[in-house]
Amino acid sequence: MYYNTYLVSDMNYRVPLCQFFSFVFGYIWLNVLTPPSTDITQHYTMGVWAVCLSCVIEMFTEPVYLVSQAFLFVRFKVMASR
C-alpha cells in the first residue's frame, strides 16, 4: 500500500516539470541547433512546438494509466491505453 501512496504523491510534479523541460528543449531545438534549409521545411517551428505540446499532453494522461496500474484496475488500464 505504501507503493500506491508514494506513486500518487509522486505524480504531482511531473506535468509542471515536463512543461518546463519541453519549453527549454524546444527553445534549444529552435535556436541553438542548426535548422534545416527553409526551402525544405516551411513549418519547422510549428512542428517543434507541436512535438513539445504532445509531450505535455502525454504527461497529462500518464497519471491515469499509472493509478490504474497501481490499483490493479485492469479494465480501466486497457481502456486508457487505447
N, C-alpha and C. Protein backbone atom coordinates (compact mmCIF):
# COMPACT_ATOMS: atom_id res chain seq x y z
N MET A 1 0.82 -1.20 0.00
CA MET A 1 0.00 0.00 0.00
C MET A 1 0.86 1.25 0.00
N TYR A 2 2.04 1.17 0.60
CA TYR A 2 2.94 2.32 0.60
C TYR A 2 3.35 2.69 -0.81
N TYR A 3 3.52 1.69 -1.67
CA TYR A 3 3.89 1.94 -3.06
C TYR A 3 2.84 2.79 -3.76
N ASN A 4 1.56 2.49 -3.54
CA ASN A 4 0.49 3.25 -4.18
C ASN A 4 0.45 4.69 -3.69
N THR A 5 0.63 4.93 -2.41
CA THR A 5 0.63 6.28 -1.87
C THR A 5 1.80 7.08 -2.40
N TYR A 6 2.96 6.47 -2.47
CA TYR A 6 4.14 7.15 -3.00
C TYR A 6 3.96 7.49 -4.48
N LEU A 7 3.36 6.58 -5.22
CA LEU A 7 3.16 6.80 -6.65
C LEU A 7 2.20 7.96 -6.90
N VAL A 8 1.13 8.03 -6.15
CA VAL A 8 0.16 9.11 -6.34
C VAL A 8 0.77 10.46 -5.95
N SER A 9 1.52 10.52 -4.89
CA SER A 9 2.13 11.79 -4.49
C SER A 9 3.29 12.16 -5.42
N ASP A 10 3.87 11.20 -6.07
CA ASP A 10 4.97 11.44 -7.00
C ASP A 10 4.49 12.07 -8.31
N MET A 11 3.22 11.89 -8.64
CA MET A 11 2.70 12.39 -9.92
C MET A 11 2.41 13.88 -9.90
N ASN A 12 2.46 14.52 -8.76
CA ASN A 12 2.07 15.92 -8.66
C ASN A 12 3.02 16.87 -9.37
N TYR A 13 4.25 16.53 -9.49
CA TYR A 13 5.22 17.44 -10.09
C TYR A 13 5.63 17.05 -11.51
N ARG A 14 5.10 16.01 -12.05
CA ARG A 14 5.52 15.56 -13.38
C ARG A 14 5.07 16.50 -14.49
N VAL A 15 3.84 16.97 -14.46
CA VAL A 15 3.35 17.83 -15.54
C VAL A 15 4.07 19.18 -15.55
N PRO A 16 4.22 19.88 -14.42
CA PRO A 16 4.98 21.14 -14.47
C PRO A 16 6.44 20.93 -14.88
N LEU A 17 7.03 19.85 -14.44
CA LEU A 17 8.41 19.56 -14.83
C LEU A 17 8.51 19.27 -16.32
N CYS A 18 7.55 18.56 -16.85
CA CYS A 18 7.53 18.28 -18.29
C CYS A 18 7.30 19.56 -19.09
N GLN A 19 6.44 20.44 -18.61
CA GLN A 19 6.22 21.72 -19.29
C GLN A 19 7.51 22.54 -19.32
N PHE A 20 8.21 22.58 -18.23
CA PHE A 20 9.46 23.33 -18.16
C PHE A 20 10.49 22.77 -19.13
N PHE A 21 10.70 21.45 -19.07
CA PHE A 21 11.69 20.84 -19.95
C PHE A 21 11.29 20.90 -21.42
N SER A 22 10.01 20.81 -21.72
CA SER A 22 9.56 20.94 -23.11
C SER A 22 9.87 22.33 -23.64
N PHE A 23 9.63 23.33 -22.83
CA PHE A 23 9.93 24.70 -23.26
C PHE A 23 11.43 24.90 -23.45
N VAL A 24 12.23 24.41 -22.51
CA VAL A 24 13.69 24.58 -22.59
C VAL A 24 14.26 23.84 -23.79
N PHE A 25 13.88 22.58 -23.95
CA PHE A 25 14.44 21.81 -25.06
C PHE A 25 13.88 22.26 -26.41
N GLY A 26 12.64 22.75 -26.43
CA GLY A 26 12.10 23.32 -27.67
C GLY A 26 12.86 24.58 -28.07
N TYR A 27 13.20 25.40 -27.10
CA TYR A 27 13.99 26.60 -27.37
C TYR A 27 15.38 26.23 -27.89
N ILE A 28 16.00 25.23 -27.25
CA ILE A 28 17.32 24.78 -27.71
C ILE A 28 17.22 24.20 -29.12
N TRP A 29 16.19 23.44 -29.38
CA TRP A 29 16.00 22.82 -30.69
C TRP A 29 15.86 23.89 -31.77
N LEU A 30 15.16 24.97 -31.46
CA LEU A 30 14.93 26.00 -32.48
C LEU A 30 16.08 26.99 -32.61
N ASN A 31 16.74 27.35 -31.51
CA ASN A 31 17.69 28.46 -31.55
C ASN A 31 19.15 28.05 -31.44
N VAL A 32 19.45 26.92 -30.87
CA VAL A 32 20.85 26.52 -30.69
C VAL A 32 21.29 25.56 -31.79
N LEU A 33 20.48 24.56 -32.06
CA LEU A 33 20.82 23.60 -33.10
C LEU A 33 20.65 24.21 -34.49
N THR A 34 21.36 23.71 -35.45
CA THR A 34 21.26 24.26 -36.82
C THR A 34 19.98 23.76 -37.47
N PRO A 35 19.15 24.69 -37.94
CA PRO A 35 17.89 24.28 -38.57
C PRO A 35 18.15 23.82 -40.01
N PRO A 36 17.25 23.02 -40.57
CA PRO A 36 17.38 22.65 -41.97
C PRO A 36 17.08 23.84 -42.87
N SER A 37 17.35 23.70 -44.13
CA SER A 37 17.13 24.82 -45.05
C SER A 37 15.64 25.16 -45.13
N THR A 38 15.35 26.43 -45.37
CA THR A 38 13.95 26.90 -45.34
C THR A 38 13.15 26.42 -46.54
N ASP A 39 13.80 26.09 -47.63
CA ASP A 39 13.02 25.60 -48.78
C ASP A 39 12.50 24.18 -48.56
N ILE A 40 13.10 23.44 -47.65
CA ILE A 40 12.62 22.09 -47.33
C ILE A 40 11.53 22.13 -46.28
N THR A 41 11.74 22.90 -45.24
CA THR A 41 10.81 22.91 -44.11
C THR A 41 10.15 24.27 -43.98
N GLN A 42 8.93 24.33 -44.35
CA GLN A 42 8.20 25.59 -44.29
C GLN A 42 7.63 25.84 -42.89
N HIS A 43 7.19 24.79 -42.24
CA HIS A 43 6.54 24.92 -40.93
C HIS A 43 7.36 24.23 -39.85
N TYR A 44 8.66 24.45 -39.85
CA TYR A 44 9.56 23.76 -38.92
C TYR A 44 9.30 24.19 -37.47
N THR A 45 9.12 25.47 -37.25
CA THR A 45 8.89 25.98 -35.89
C THR A 45 7.60 25.42 -35.31
N MET A 46 6.57 25.38 -36.13
CA MET A 46 5.29 24.84 -35.66
C MET A 46 5.41 23.36 -35.33
N GLY A 47 6.20 22.63 -36.08
CA GLY A 47 6.41 21.21 -35.82
C GLY A 47 7.15 20.96 -34.52
N VAL A 48 8.15 21.80 -34.24
CA VAL A 48 8.90 21.66 -32.99
C VAL A 48 7.98 21.89 -31.80
N TRP A 49 7.17 22.95 -31.84
CA TRP A 49 6.27 23.22 -30.72
C TRP A 49 5.15 22.19 -30.62
N ALA A 50 4.78 21.58 -31.76
CA ALA A 50 3.78 20.51 -31.71
C ALA A 50 4.33 19.28 -30.99
N VAL A 51 5.61 18.97 -31.22
CA VAL A 51 6.23 17.85 -30.51
C VAL A 51 6.30 18.15 -29.01
N CYS A 52 6.65 19.37 -28.64
CA CYS A 52 6.70 19.75 -27.23
C CYS A 52 5.32 19.66 -26.59
N LEU A 53 4.31 20.11 -27.30
CA LEU A 53 2.94 20.04 -26.78
C LEU A 53 2.48 18.60 -26.63
N SER A 54 2.87 17.73 -27.55
CA SER A 54 2.47 16.33 -27.44
C SER A 54 3.11 15.66 -26.22
N CYS A 55 4.33 16.08 -25.86
CA CYS A 55 4.95 15.55 -24.64
C CYS A 55 4.17 15.97 -23.40
N VAL A 56 3.72 17.21 -23.37
CA VAL A 56 2.95 17.69 -22.22
C VAL A 56 1.59 16.99 -22.15
N ILE A 57 0.95 16.79 -23.28
CA ILE A 57 -0.34 16.09 -23.30
C ILE A 57 -0.18 14.65 -22.82
N GLU A 58 0.91 14.00 -23.21
CA GLU A 58 1.15 12.65 -22.74
C GLU A 58 1.37 12.62 -21.23
N MET A 59 2.01 13.63 -20.68
CA MET A 59 2.20 13.67 -19.24
C MET A 59 0.89 13.91 -18.50
N PHE A 60 -0.08 14.58 -19.14
CA PHE A 60 -1.39 14.73 -18.53
C PHE A 60 -2.14 13.40 -18.46
N THR A 61 -1.93 12.53 -19.44
CA THR A 61 -2.64 11.26 -19.45
C THR A 61 -1.91 10.16 -18.71
N GLU A 62 -0.64 10.34 -18.42
CA GLU A 62 0.15 9.32 -17.75
C GLU A 62 -0.33 9.00 -16.33
N PRO A 63 -0.75 9.96 -15.50
CA PRO A 63 -1.23 9.61 -14.16
C PRO A 63 -2.44 8.68 -14.17
N VAL A 64 -3.31 8.81 -15.13
CA VAL A 64 -4.47 7.92 -15.20
C VAL A 64 -4.02 6.48 -15.40
N TYR A 65 -3.07 6.30 -16.29
CA TYR A 65 -2.55 4.96 -16.55
C TYR A 65 -1.80 4.41 -15.34
N LEU A 66 -1.01 5.24 -14.69
CA LEU A 66 -0.23 4.76 -13.55
C LEU A 66 -1.11 4.42 -12.35
N VAL A 67 -2.14 5.20 -12.11
CA VAL A 67 -3.04 4.90 -11.00
C VAL A 67 -3.81 3.61 -11.27
N SER A 68 -4.27 3.44 -12.50
CA SER A 68 -4.99 2.21 -12.82
C SER A 68 -4.08 0.99 -12.73
N GLN A 69 -2.82 1.17 -13.04
CA GLN A 69 -1.88 0.06 -12.91
C GLN A 69 -1.55 -0.22 -11.44
N ALA A 70 -1.40 0.82 -10.65
CA ALA A 70 -1.04 0.62 -9.25
C ALA A 70 -2.18 -0.01 -8.44
N PHE A 71 -3.41 0.36 -8.75
CA PHE A 71 -4.54 -0.17 -8.01
C PHE A 71 -5.19 -1.37 -8.69
N LEU A 72 -4.53 -1.88 -9.74
CA LEU A 72 -4.95 -3.09 -10.45
C LEU A 72 -6.34 -2.97 -11.07
N PHE A 73 -6.62 -1.83 -11.67
CA PHE A 73 -7.86 -1.65 -12.43
C PHE A 73 -7.58 -2.10 -13.87
N VAL A 74 -7.73 -3.38 -14.11
CA VAL A 74 -7.31 -3.96 -15.39
C VAL A 74 -8.16 -3.43 -16.53
N ARG A 75 -9.46 -3.42 -16.38
CA ARG A 75 -10.34 -2.96 -17.45
C ARG A 75 -10.10 -1.48 -17.75
N PHE A 76 -9.91 -0.68 -16.73
CA PHE A 76 -9.66 0.76 -16.92
C PHE A 76 -8.31 0.99 -17.60
N LYS A 77 -7.32 0.16 -17.26
CA LYS A 77 -6.00 0.26 -17.85
C LYS A 77 -6.06 -0.05 -19.34
N VAL A 78 -6.84 -1.04 -19.71
CA VAL A 78 -6.98 -1.39 -21.12
C VAL A 78 -7.68 -0.28 -21.88
N MET A 79 -8.70 0.32 -21.28
CA MET A 79 -9.41 1.41 -21.95
C MET A 79 -8.53 2.66 -22.06
N ALA A 80 -7.67 2.92 -21.08
CA ALA A 80 -6.82 4.10 -21.12
C ALA A 80 -5.68 3.95 -22.11
N SER A 81 -5.25 2.74 -22.37
CA SER A 81 -4.14 2.54 -23.29
C SER A 81 -4.57 2.55 -24.75
N ARG A 82 -5.84 2.60 -25.02
CA ARG A 82 -6.31 2.64 -26.40
C ARG A 82 -6.08 3.94 -26.99
